[in-house]
PDB file of N, CA and C in Angstrom:
ATOM      1  N   MET A   1      83.848 308.145  31.656  1.00  0.00           N
ATOM      2  CA  MET A   1      82.476 307.707  31.896  1.00  0.00           C
ATOM      3  C   MET A   1      81.581 308.342  30.841  1.00  0.00           C
ATOM      4  N   GLN A   2      80.919 307.508  30.062  1.00  0.00           N
ATOM      5  CA  GLN A   2      80.062 308.040  29.013  1.00  0.00           C
ATOM      6  C   GLN A   2      78.601 307.776  29.333  1.00  0.00           C
ATOM      7  N   ASP A   3      77.754 308.562  28.703  1.00  0.00           N
ATOM      8  CA  ASP A   3      76.307 308.395  28.868  1.00  0.00           C
ATOM      9  C   ASP A   3      75.782 307.505  27.761  1.00  0.00           C
ATOM     10  N   ILE A   4      74.851 306.635  28.110  1.00  0.00           N
ATOM     11  CA  ILE A   4      74.192 305.771  27.129  1.00  0.00           C
ATOM     12  C   ILE A   4      72.772 306.278  26.971  1.00  0.00           C
ATOM     13  N   HIS A   5      72.435 306.697  25.751  1.00  0.00           N
ATOM     14  CA  HIS A   5      71.130 307.295  25.470  1.00  0.00           C
ATOM     15  C   HIS A   5      70.247 306.302  24.723  1.00  0.00           C
ATOM     16  N   ALA A   6      68.937 306.412  24.956  1.00  0.00           N
ATOM     17  CA  ALA A   6      67.944 305.714  24.143  1.00  0.00           C
ATOM     18  C   ALA A   6      66.694 306.583  24.125  1.00  0.00           C
ATOM     19  N   GLN A   7      66.031 306.618  22.973  1.00  0.00           N
ATOM     20  CA  GLN A   7      64.841 307.449  22.817  1.00  0.00           C
ATOM     21  C   GLN A   7      63.673 306.620  22.312  1.00  0.00           C
ATOM     22  N   LEU A   8      62.505 306.973  22.802  1.00  0.00           N
ATOM     23  CA  LEU A   8      61.255 306.430  22.295  1.00  0.00           C
ATOM     24  C   LEU A   8      60.449 307.618  21.832  1.00  0.00           C
ATOM     25  N   ARG A   9      60.185 307.696  20.531  1.00  0.00           N
ATOM     26  CA  ARG A   9      59.525 308.874  19.986  1.00  0.00           C
ATOM     27  C   ARG A   9      58.121 308.525  19.518  1.00  0.00           C
ATOM     28  N   PHE A  10      57.229 309.502  19.630  1.00  0.00           N
ATOM     29  CA  PHE A  10      55.844 309.401  19.176  1.00  0.00           C
ATOM     30  C   PHE A  10      55.088 308.264  19.858  1.00  0.00           C
ATOM     31  N   LEU A  11      55.293 308.115  21.164  1.00  0.00           N
ATOM     32  CA  LEU A  11      54.512 307.166  21.953  1.00  0.00           C
ATOM     33  C   LEU A  11      53.106 307.738  22.096  1.00  0.00           C
ATOM     34  N   SER A  12      52.096 306.941  21.784  1.00  0.00           N
ATOM     35  CA  SER A  12      50.730 307.464  21.732  1.00  0.00           C
ATOM     36  C   SER A  12      50.055 307.447  23.099  1.00  0.00           C
ATOM     37  N   ILE A  13      50.796 307.889  24.114  1.00  0.00           N
ATOM     38  CA  ILE A  13      50.271 308.081  25.462  1.00  0.00           C
ATOM     39  C   ILE A  13      50.719 309.475  25.891  1.00  0.00           C
ATOM     40  N   SER A  14      49.868 310.197  26.591  1.00  0.00           N
ATOM     41  CA  SER A  14      50.206 311.570  26.943  1.00  0.00           C
ATOM     42  C   SER A  14      51.419 311.610  27.873  1.00  0.00           C
ATOM     43  N   ALA A  15      52.189 312.690  27.764  1.00  0.00           N
ATOM     44  CA  ALA A  15      53.395 312.845  28.563  1.00  0.00           C
ATOM     45  C   ALA A  15      53.066 312.893  30.048  1.00  0.00           C
ATOM     46  N   GLN A  16      51.915 313.424  30.390  1.00  0.00           N
ATOM     47  CA  GLN A  16      51.503 313.505  31.792  1.00  0.00           C
ATOM     48  C   GLN A  16      51.371 312.109  32.402  1.00  0.00           C
ATOM     49  N   LYS A  17      50.815 311.175  31.653  1.00  0.00           N
ATOM     50  CA  LYS A  17      50.661 309.803  32.150  1.00  0.00           C
ATOM     51  C   LYS A  17      51.994 309.066  32.185  1.00  0.00           C
ATOM     52  N   VAL A  18      52.850 309.330  31.205  1.00  0.00           N
ATOM     53  CA  VAL A  18      54.152 308.664  31.158  1.00  0.00           C
ATOM     54  C   VAL A  18      55.033 309.136  32.309  1.00  0.00           C
ATOM     55  N   ARG A  19      54.917 310.413  32.690  1.00  0.00           N
ATOM     56  CA  ARG A  19      55.745 310.946  33.778  1.00  0.00           C
ATOM     57  C   ARG A  19      55.471 310.249  35.098  1.00  0.00           C
ATOM     58  N   LEU A  20      54.240 309.764  35.307  1.00  0.00           N
ATOM     59  CA  LEU A  20      53.922 309.041  36.537  1.00  0.00           C
ATOM     60  C   LEU A  20      54.768 307.774  36.669  1.00  0.00           C
ATOM     61  N   VAL A  21      55.024 307.102  35.545  1.00  0.00           N
ATOM     62  CA  VAL A  21      55.827 305.876  35.550  1.00  0.00           C
ATOM     63  C   VAL A  21      57.313 306.204  35.572  1.00  0.00           C
ATOM     64  N   VAL A  22      57.694 307.205  34.809  1.00  0.00           N
ATOM     65  CA  VAL A  22      59.105 307.583  34.672  1.00  0.00           C
ATOM     66  C   VAL A  22      59.682 308.038  36.017  1.00  0.00           C
ATOM     67  N   ASP A  23      58.875 308.723  36.824  1.00  0.00           N
ATOM     68  CA  ASP A  23      59.350 309.224  38.108  1.00  0.00           C
ATOM     69  C   ASP A  23      59.680 308.100  39.081  1.00  0.00           C
ATOM     70  N   LEU A  24      59.106 306.910  38.869  1.00  0.00           N
ATOM     71  CA  LEU A  24      59.358 305.781  39.771  1.00  0.00           C
ATOM     72  C   LEU A  24      60.788 305.250  39.647  1.00  0.00           C
ATOM     73  N   VAL A  25      61.374 305.307  38.447  1.00  0.00           N
ATOM     74  CA  VAL A  25      62.648 304.631  38.201  1.00  0.00           C
ATOM     75  C   VAL A  25      63.846 305.571  38.133  1.00  0.00           C
ATOM     76  N   ARG A  26      63.621 306.864  38.221  1.00  0.00           N
ATOM     77  CA  ARG A  26      64.733 307.821  38.108  1.00  0.00           C
ATOM     78  C   ARG A  26      65.710 307.629  39.263  1.00  0.00           C
ATOM     79  N   GLY A  27      67.004 307.472  38.950  1.00  0.00           N
ATOM     80  CA  GLY A  27      68.039 307.342  39.958  1.00  0.00           C
ATOM     81  C   GLY A  27      68.273 305.925  40.460  1.00  0.00           C
ATOM     82  N   ARG A  28      67.506 304.960  40.001  1.00  0.00           N
ATOM     83  CA  ARG A  28      67.634 303.581  40.486  1.00  0.00           C
ATOM     84  C   ARG A  28      68.614 302.795  39.622  1.00  0.00           C
ATOM     85  N   ASN A  29      69.066 301.654  40.142  1.00  0.00           N
ATOM     86  CA  ASN A  29      69.875 300.734  39.350  1.00  0.00           C
ATOM     87  C   ASN A  29      69.053 300.229  38.178  1.00  0.00           C
ATOM     88  N   ALA A  30      69.705 299.905  37.074  1.00  0.00           N
ATOM     89  CA  ALA A  30      68.998 299.484  35.869  1.00  0.00           C
ATOM     90  C   ALA A  30      68.221 298.191  36.098  1.00  0.00           C
ATOM     91  N   ASN A  31      68.824 297.220  36.769  1.00  0.00           N
ATOM     92  CA  ASN A  31      68.132 295.951  37.022  1.00  0.00           C
ATOM     93  C   ASN A  31      66.924 296.145  37.925  1.00  0.00           C
ATOM     94  N   GLU A  32      67.087 296.967  38.941  1.00  0.00           N
ATOM     95  CA  GLU A  32      65.980 297.253  39.866  1.00  0.00           C
ATOM     96  C   GLU A  32      64.848 297.973  39.145  1.00  0.00           C
ATOM     97  N   ALA A  33      65.189 298.902  38.262  1.00  0.00           N
ATOM     98  CA  ALA A  33      64.179 299.642  37.507  1.00  0.00           C
ATOM     99  C   ALA A  33      63.399 298.717  36.573  1.00  0.00           C
ATOM    100  N   LEU A  34      64.109 297.807  35.909  1.00  0.00           N
ATOM    101  CA  LEU A  34      63.429 296.852  35.023  1.00  0.00           C
ATOM    102  C   LEU A  34      62.474 295.966  35.805  1.00  0.00           C
ATOM    103  N   ASP A  35      62.887 295.525  36.993  1.00  0.00           N
ATOM    104  CA  ASP A  35      62.006 294.694  37.820  1.00  0.00           C
ATOM    105  C   ASP A  35      60.788 295.476  38.292  1.00  0.00           C
ATOM    106  N   MET A  36      60.986 296.735  38.661  1.00  0.00           N
ATOM    107  CA  MET A  36      59.849 297.561  39.097  1.00  0.00           C
ATOM    108  C   MET A  36      58.834 297.737  37.974  1.00  0.00           C
ATOM    109  N   LEU A  37      59.340 298.001  36.763  1.00  0.00           N
ATOM    110  CA  LEU A  37      58.433 298.243  35.641  1.00  0.00           C
ATOM    111  C   LEU A  37      57.714 296.976  35.196  1.00  0.00           C
ATOM    112  N   ARG A  38      58.320 295.817  35.435  1.00  0.00           N
ATOM    113  CA  ARG A  38      57.679 294.560  35.053  1.00  0.00           C
ATOM    114  C   ARG A  38      56.361 294.373  35.800  1.00  0.00           C
ATOM    115  N   PHE A  39      56.312 294.815  37.062  1.00  0.00           N
ATOM    116  CA  PHE A  39      55.127 294.598  37.890  1.00  0.00           C
ATOM    117  C   PHE A  39      54.256 295.841  38.048  1.00  0.00           C
ATOM    118  N   GLU A  40      54.599 296.906  37.358  1.00  0.00           N
ATOM    119  CA  GLU A  40      53.786 298.116  37.403  1.00  0.00           C
ATOM    120  C   GLU A  40      52.553 297.920  36.523  1.00  0.00           C
ATOM    121  N   THR A  41      51.371 298.344  37.007  1.00  0.00           N
ATOM    122  CA  THR A  41      50.122 298.087  36.285  1.00  0.00           C
ATOM    123  C   THR A  41      49.698 299.234  35.366  1.00  0.00           C
ATOM    124  N   LYS A  42      50.354 300.365  35.452  1.00  0.00           N
ATOM    125  CA  LYS A  42      49.970 301.486  34.595  1.00  0.00           C
ATOM    126  C   LYS A  42      50.325 301.199  33.137  1.00  0.00           C
ATOM    127  N   GLY A  43      49.567 301.768  32.231  1.00  0.00           N
ATOM    128  CA  GLY A  43      49.735 301.514  30.808  1.00  0.00           C
ATOM    129  C   GLY A  43      51.098 301.838  30.235  1.00  0.00           C
ATOM    130  N   PRO A  44      51.683 302.997  30.566  1.00  0.00           N
ATOM    131  CA  PRO A  44      52.982 303.353  29.985  1.00  0.00           C
ATOM    132  C   PRO A  44      54.146 302.508  30.490  1.00  0.00           C
ATOM    133  N   ALA A  45      53.939 301.643  31.466  1.00  0.00           N
ATOM    134  CA  ALA A  45      55.044 300.893  32.053  1.00  0.00           C
ATOM    135  C   ALA A  45      55.709 299.967  31.037  1.00  0.00           C
ATOM    136  N   MET A  46      54.939 299.316  30.178  1.00  0.00           N
ATOM    137  CA  MET A  46      55.527 298.374  29.225  1.00  0.00           C
ATOM    138  C   MET A  46      56.407 299.078  28.182  1.00  0.00           C
ATOM    139  N   PRO A  47      55.933 300.153  27.511  1.00  0.00           N
ATOM    140  CA  PRO A  47      56.834 300.831  26.567  1.00  0.00           C
ATOM    141  C   PRO A  47      58.081 301.414  27.228  1.00  0.00           C
ATOM    142  N   VAL A  48      57.959 301.945  28.445  1.00  0.00           N
ATOM    143  CA  VAL A  48      59.117 302.497  29.143  1.00  0.00           C
ATOM    144  C   VAL A  48      60.084 301.378  29.508  1.00  0.00           C
ATOM    145  N   ARG A  49      59.562 300.220  29.895  1.00  0.00           N
ATOM    146  CA  ARG A  49      60.410 299.071  30.226  1.00  0.00           C
ATOM    147  C   ARG A  49      61.184 298.598  28.988  1.00  0.00           C
ATOM    148  N   LYS A  50      60.505 298.558  27.841  1.00  0.00           N
ATOM    149  CA  LYS A  50      61.182 298.148  26.612  1.00  0.00           C
ATOM    150  C   LYS A  50      62.290 299.136  26.239  1.00  0.00           C
ATOM    151  N   LEU A  51      62.031 300.423  26.449  1.00  0.00           N
ATOM    152  CA  LEU A  51      63.041 301.446  26.171  1.00  0.00           C
ATOM    153  C   LEU A  51      64.244 301.279  27.089  1.00  0.00           C
ATOM    154  N   LEU A  52      63.985 301.043  28.365  1.00  0.00           N
ATOM    155  CA  LEU A  52      65.071 300.863  29.329  1.00  0.00           C
ATOM    156  C   LEU A  52      65.872 299.601  29.025  1.00  0.00           C
ATOM    157  N   ALA A  53      65.190 298.525  28.641  1.00  0.00           N
ATOM    158  CA  ALA A  53      65.877 297.282  28.273  1.00  0.00           C
ATOM    159  C   ALA A  53      66.748 297.496  27.038  1.00  0.00           C
ATOM    160  N   SER A  54      66.261 298.301  26.106  1.00  0.00           N
ATOM    161  CA  SER A  54      67.035 298.614  24.906  1.00  0.00           C
ATOM    162  C   SER A  54      68.295 299.407  25.261  1.00  0.00           C
ATOM    163  N   ALA A  55      68.159 300.367  26.179  1.00  0.00           N
ATOM    164  CA  ALA A  55      69.311 301.164  26.590  1.00  0.00           C
ATOM    165  C   ALA A  55      70.349 300.292  27.291  1.00  0.00           C
ATOM    166  N   VAL A  56      69.900 299.341  28.115  1.00  0.00           N
ATOM    167  CA  VAL A  56      70.826 298.435  28.801  1.00  0.00           C
ATOM    168  C   VAL A  56      71.538 297.547  27.781  1.00  0.00           C
ATOM    169  N   ALA A  57      70.796 297.048  26.785  1.00  0.00           N
ATOM    170  CA  ALA A  57      71.399 296.218  25.747  1.00  0.00           C
ATOM    171  C   ALA A  57      72.419 297.018  24.934  1.00  0.00           C
ATOM    172  N   ASN A  58      72.113 298.288  24.648  1.00  0.00           N
ATOM    173  CA  ASN A  58      73.067 299.153  23.939  1.00  0.00           C
ATOM    174  C   ASN A  58      74.354 299.307  24.743  1.00  0.00           C
ATOM    175  N   ALA A  59      74.213 299.486  26.044  1.00  0.00           N
ATOM    176  CA  ALA A  59      75.386 299.673  26.901  1.00  0.00           C
ATOM    177  C   ALA A  59      76.256 298.423  26.912  1.00  0.00           C
ATOM    178  N   GLU A  60      75.625 297.257  27.002  1.00  0.00           N
ATOM    179  CA  GLU A  60      76.384 296.009  27.036  1.00  0.00           C
ATOM    180  C   GLU A  60      77.058 295.722  25.695  1.00  0.00           C
ATOM    181  N   GLU A  61      76.315 295.913  24.616  1.00  0.00           N
ATOM    182  CA  GLU A  61      76.805 295.535  23.295  1.00  0.00           C
ATOM    183  C   GLU A  61      77.810 296.544  22.736  1.00  0.00           C
ATOM    184  N   ASN A  62      77.484 297.829  22.823  1.00  0.00           N
ATOM    185  CA  ASN A  62      78.299 298.846  22.162  1.00  0.00           C
ATOM    186  C   ASN A  62      79.443 299.364  23.020  1.00  0.00           C
ATOM    187  N   PHE A  63      79.248 299.392  24.347  1.00  0.00           N
ATOM    188  CA  PHE A  63      80.250 299.989  25.218  1.00  0.00           C
ATOM    189  C   PHE A  63      80.905 298.982  26.156  1.00  0.00           C
ATOM    190  N   GLY A  64      80.416 297.740  26.201  1.00  0.00           N
ATOM    191  CA  GLY A  64      81.005 296.712  27.043  1.00  0.00           C
ATOM    192  C   GLY A  64      80.850 296.967  28.532  1.00  0.00           C
ATOM    193  N   VAL A  65      79.760 297.598  28.921  1.00  0.00           N
ATOM    194  CA  VAL A  65      79.507 297.926  30.324  1.00  0.00           C
ATOM    195  C   VAL A  65      78.618 296.833  30.921  1.00  0.00           C
ATOM    196  N   SER A  66      78.914 296.416  32.136  1.00  0.00           N
ATOM    197  CA  SER A  66      78.091 295.418  32.817  1.00  0.00           C
ATOM    198  C   SER A  66      76.768 296.036  33.247  1.00  0.00           C
ATOM    199  N   ARG A  67      75.694 295.276  33.120  1.00  0.00           N
ATOM    200  CA  ARG A  67      74.381 295.813  33.469  1.00  0.00           C
ATOM    201  C   ARG A  67      74.230 296.039  34.971  1.00  0.00           C
ATOM    202  N   ASP A  68      75.070 295.390  35.775  1.00  0.00           N
ATOM    203  CA  ASP A  68      75.002 295.571  37.221  1.00  0.00           C
ATOM    204  C   ASP A  68      75.568 296.922  37.657  1.00  0.00           C
ATOM    205  N   ASP A  69      76.399 297.540  36.815  1.00  0.00           N
ATOM    206  CA  ASP A  69      77.020 298.822  37.151  1.00  0.00           C
ATOM    207  C   ASP A  69      76.212 300.015  36.663  1.00  0.00           C
ATOM    208  N   LEU A  70      75.126 299.786  35.933  1.00  0.00           N
ATOM    209  CA  LEU A  70      74.367 300.881  35.325  1.00  0.00           C
ATOM    210  C   LEU A  70      73.287 301.391  36.262  1.00  0.00           C
ATOM    211  N   TYR A  71      73.029 302.697  36.161  1.00  0.00           N
ATOM    212  CA  TYR A  71      71.884 303.281  36.856  1.00  0.00           C
ATOM    213  C   TYR A  71      71.239 304.319  35.946  1.00  0.00           C
ATOM    214  N   VAL A  72      69.988 304.645  36.229  1.00  0.00           N
ATOM    215  CA  VAL A  72      69.223 305.589  35.419  1.00  0.00           C
ATOM    216  C   VAL A  72      69.585 306.997  35.879  1.00  0.00           C
ATOM    217  N   ALA A  73      70.437 307.653  35.117  1.00  0.00           N
ATOM    218  CA  ALA A  73      70.888 308.994  35.481  1.00  0.00           C
ATOM    219  C   ALA A  73      69.800 310.023  35.187  1.00  0.00           C
ATOM    220  N   GLN A  74      69.209 309.929  34.014  1.00  0.00           N
ATOM    221  CA  GLN A  74      68.129 310.838  33.623  1.00  0.00           C
ATOM    222  C   GLN A  74      67.091 310.037  32.873  1.00  0.00           C
ATOM    223  N   ILE A  75      65.830 310.390  33.094  1.00  0.00           N
ATOM    224  CA  ILE A  75      64.747 309.839  32.287  1.00  0.00           C
ATOM    225  C   ILE A  75      63.628 310.863  32.317  1.00  0.00           C
ATOM    226  N   TYR A  76      63.142 311.215  31.150  1.00  0.00           N
ATOM    227  CA  TYR A  76      62.105 312.241  31.094  1.00  0.00           C
ATOM    228  C   TYR A  76      61.186 312.011  29.902  1.00  0.00           C
ATOM    229  N   ALA A  77      59.981 312.561  30.008  1.00  0.00           N
ATOM    230  CA  ALA A  77      58.969 312.460  28.956  1.00  0.00           C
ATOM    231  C   ALA A  77      58.556 313.866  28.551  1.00  0.00           C
ATOM    232  N   ASN A  78      58.715 314.178  27.289  1.00  0.00           N
ATOM    233  CA  ASN A  78      58.311 315.472  26.741  1.00  0.00           C
ATOM    234  C   ASN A  78      57.106 315.289  25.843  1.00  0.00           C
ATOM    235  N   GLU A  79      56.404 316.392  25.604  1.00  0.00           N
ATOM    236  CA  GLU A  79      55.242 316.328  24.730  1.00  0.00           C
ATOM    237  C   GLU A  79      55.677 316.201  23.280  1.00  0.00           C
ATOM    238  N   ALA A  80      54.911 315.415  22.538  1.00  0.00           N
ATOM    239  CA  ALA A  80      55.115 315.245  21.101  1.00  0.00           C
ATOM    240  C   ALA A  80      53.917 315.907  20.404  1.00  0.00           C
ATOM    241  N   PRO A  81      53.860 315.886  19.088  1.00  0.00           N
ATOM    242  CA  PRO A  81      52.732 316.519  18.406  1.00  0.00           C
ATOM    243  C   PRO A  81      51.387 315.911  18.821  1.00  0.00           C
ATOM    244  N   THR A  82      50.395 316.774  18.906  1.00  0.00           N
ATOM    245  CA  THR A  82      49.042 316.372  19.278  1.00  0.00           C
ATOM    246  C   THR A  82      48.196 316.262  18.025  1.00  0.00           C
ATOM    247  N   ARG A  83      47.546 315.112  17.854  1.00  0.00           N
ATOM    248  CA  ARG A  83      46.625 314.951  16.735  1.00  0.00           C
ATOM    249  C   ARG A  83      45.283 315.523  17.146  1.00  0.00           C
ATOM    250  N   LYS A  84      44.718 316.369  16.310  1.00  0.00           N
ATOM    251  CA  LYS A  84      43.460 317.020  16.636  1.00  0.00           C
ATOM    252  C   LYS A  84      42.339 316.412  15.795  1.00  0.00           C
ATOM    253  N   TRP A  85      41.346 315.860  16.481  1.00  0.00           N
ATOM    254  CA  TRP A  85      40.190 315.267  15.834  1.00  0.00           C
ATOM    255  C   TRP A  85      38.963 316.051  16.226  1.00  0.00           C
ATOM    256  N   ARG A  86      37.860 315.799  15.481  1.00  0.00           N
ATOM    257  CA  ARG A  86      36.600 316.456  15.820  1.00  0.00           C
ATOM    258  C   ARG A  86      35.506 315.408  15.930  1.00  0.00           C
ATOM    259  N   ARG A  87      34.658 315.611  16.904  1.00  0.00           N
ATOM    260  CA  ARG A  87      33.469 314.778  17.067  1.00  0.00           C
ATOM    261  C   ARG A  87      32.254 315.666  16.919  1.00  0.00           C
ATOM    262  N   PHE A  88      31.178 315.104  16.438  1.00  0.00           N
ATOM    263  CA  PHE A  88      29.946 315.864  16.352  1.00  0.00           C
ATOM    264  C   PHE A  88      29.338 316.020  17.731  1.00  0.00           C
ATOM    265  N   GLY A  89      28.927 317.238  18.049  1.00  0.00           N
ATOM    266  CA  GLY A  89      28.306 317.517  19.336  1.00  0.00           C
ATOM    267  C   GLY A  89      26.857 317.906  19.140  1.00  0.00           C
ATOM    268  N   ALA A  90      26.257 318.348  20.201  1.00  0.00           N
ATOM    269  CA  ALA A  90      24.861 318.758  20.151  1.00  0.00           C
ATOM    270  C   ALA A  90      24.695 320.029  19.329  1.00  0.00           C
ATOM    271  N   ARG A  91      23.540 320.201  18.731  1.00  0.00           N
ATOM    272  CA  ARG A  91      23.159 321.402  17.959  1.00  0.00           C
ATOM    273  C   ARG A  91      24.104 321.656  16.797  1.00  0.00           C
ATOM    274  N   GLY A  92      24.613 320.602  16.169  1.00  0.00           N
ATOM    275  CA  GLY A  92      25.438 320.763  14.975  1.00  0.00           C
ATOM    276  C   GLY A  92      26.831 321.290  15.220  1.00  0.00           C
ATOM    277  N   ARG A  93      27.290 321.227  16.451  1.00  0.00           N
ATOM    278  CA  ARG A  93      28.619 321.747  16.763  1.00  0.00           C
ATOM    279  C   ARG A  93      29.658 320.638  16.681  1.00  0.00           C
ATOM    280  N   PHE A  94      30.912 321.058  16.620  1.00  0.00           N
ATOM    281  CA  PHE A  94      32.029 320.116  16.680  1.00  0.00           C
ATOM    282  C   PHE A  94      32.635 320.162  18.071  1.00  0.00           C
ATOM    283  N   LYS A  95      33.001 319.009  18.580  1.00  0.00           N
ATOM    284  CA  LYS A  95      33.708 318.907  19.850  1.00  0.00           C
ATOM    285  C   LYS A  95      35.129 318.449  19.554  1.00  0.00           C
ATOM    286  N   PRO A  96      36.150 319.198  19.988  1.00  0.00           N
ATOM    287  CA  PRO A  96      37.522 318.799  19.698  1.00  0.00           C
ATOM    288  C   PRO A  96      37.950 317.601  20.555  1.00  0.00           C
ATOM    289  N   VAL A  97      38.738 316.701  19.949  1.00  0.00           N
ATOM    290  CA  VAL A  97      39.352 315.581  20.649  1.00  0.00           C
ATOM    291  C   VAL A  97      40.848 315.695  20.416  1.00  0.00           C
ATOM    292  N   LEU A  98      41.612 315.775  21.503  1.00  0.00           N
ATOM    293  CA  LEU A  98      43.062 315.914  21.396  1.00  0.00           C
ATOM    294  C   LEU A  98      43.700 314.567  21.717  1.00  0.00           C
ATOM    295  N   ARG A  99      44.384 313.990  20.745  1.00  0.00           N
ATOM    296  CA  ARG A  99      45.099 312.725  20.949  1.00  0.00           C
ATOM    297  C   ARG A  99      46.560 313.065  21.192  1.00  0.00           C
ATOM    298  N   ARG A 100      46.941 313.059  22.449  1.00  0.00           N
ATOM    299  CA  ARG A 100      48.283 313.504  22.812  1.00  0.00           C
ATOM    300  C   ARG A 100      49.287 312.355  22.699  1.00  0.00           C
ATOM    301  N   SER A 101      50.536 312.722  22.435  1.00  0.00           N
ATOM    302  CA  SER A 101      51.607 311.729  22.358  1.00  0.00           C
ATOM    303  C   SER A 101      52.843 312.309  23.054  1.00  0.00           C
ATOM    304  N   SER A 102      53.881 311.473  23.185  1.00  0.00           N
ATOM    305  CA  SER A 102      55.051 311.905  23.956  1.00  0.00           C
ATOM    306  C   SER A 102      56.334 311.310  23.394  1.00  0.00           C
ATOM    307  N   HIS A 103      57.442 311.966  23.729  1.00  0.00           N
ATOM    308  CA  HIS A 103      58.785 311.466  23.459  1.00  0.00           C
ATOM    309  C   HIS A 103      59.422 311.138  24.808  1.00  0.00           C
ATOM    310  N   VAL A 104      59.985 309.935  24.944  1.00  0.00           N
ATOM    311  CA  VAL A 104      60.623 309.525  26.195  1.00  0.00           C
ATOM    312  C   VAL A 104      62.114 309.331  25.923  1.00  0.00           C
ATOM    313  N   THR A 105      62.955 309.860  26.805  1.00  0.00           N
ATOM    314  CA  THR A 105      64.408 309.737  26.673  1.00  0.00           C
ATOM    315  C   THR A 105      64.962 309.189  27.975  1.00  0.00           C
ATOM    316  N   VAL A 106      65.886 308.236  27.855  1.00  0.00           N
ATOM    317  CA  VAL A 106      66.549 307.662  29.028  1.00  0.00           C
ATOM    318  C   VAL A 106      68.055 307.790  28.831  1.00  0.00           C
ATOM    319  N   VAL A 107      68.753 308.150  29.919  1.00  0.00           N
ATOM    320  CA  VAL A 107      70.212 308.265  29.919  1.00  0.00           C
ATOM    321  C   VAL A 107      70.735 307.390  31.051  1.00  0.00           C
ATOM    322  N   LEU A 108      71.565 306.409  30.710  1.00  0.00           N
ATOM    323  CA  LEU A 108      72.175 305.522  31.700  1.00  0.00           C
ATOM    324  C   LEU A 108      73.633 305.916  31.905  1.00  0.00           C
ATOM    325  N   ARG A 109      74.115 305.735  33.123  1.00  0.00           N
ATOM    326  CA  ARG A 109      75.521 305.977  33.425  1.00  0.00           C
ATOM    327  C   ARG A 109      76.073 304.798  34.197  1.00  0.00           C
ATOM    328  N   GLU A 110      77.388 304.647  34.109  1.00  0.00           N
ATOM    329  CA  GLU A 110      78.065 303.592  34.855  1.00  0.00           C
ATOM    330  C   GLU A 110      78.366 304.121  36.253  1.00  0.00           C
ATOM    331  N   ARG A 111      78.026 303.335  37.258  1.00  0.00           N
ATOM    332  CA  ARG A 111      78.248 303.752  38.637  1.00  0.00           C
ATOM    333  C   ARG A 111      79.736 303.654  38.974  1.00  0.00           C
ATOM    334  N   GLU A 112      80.243 304.703  39.603  1.00  0.00           N
ATOM    335  CA  GLU A 112      81.668 304.741  39.974  1.00  0.00           C
ATOM    336  C   GLU A 112      81.887 303.911  41.228  1.00  0.00           C
ATOM    337  N   SER A 113      82.901 303.057  41.200  1.00  0.00           N
ATOM    338  CA  SER A 113      83.133 302.206  42.375  1.00  0.00           C
ATOM    339  C   SER A 113      84.359 302.631  43.151  1.00  0.00           C
TER     340      SER A 113
END
């Protein structure tokens, strides 16, 4: 039994927001997870769905595993580099703006029957 990995790097959404979506699909069947993400209204749902679809396609194409046997073994979002910007504030000061980004990793496994 091998693990099928897929990564999404430098997603321009904060890891905190991505974790809200990622926690919904952890441990679920791959088909069920894709259906859940299709109807999720949060912003990170579409990039996470594309990543999961890519991982399922990798499993089918490269390893010959049926998509019905796959489940999301691990999925997590880590922080990526933060872009630091400055805005002008009152009295000639600078106000920092942090543009956060994230790395998302998904690991699929074949369910044992």
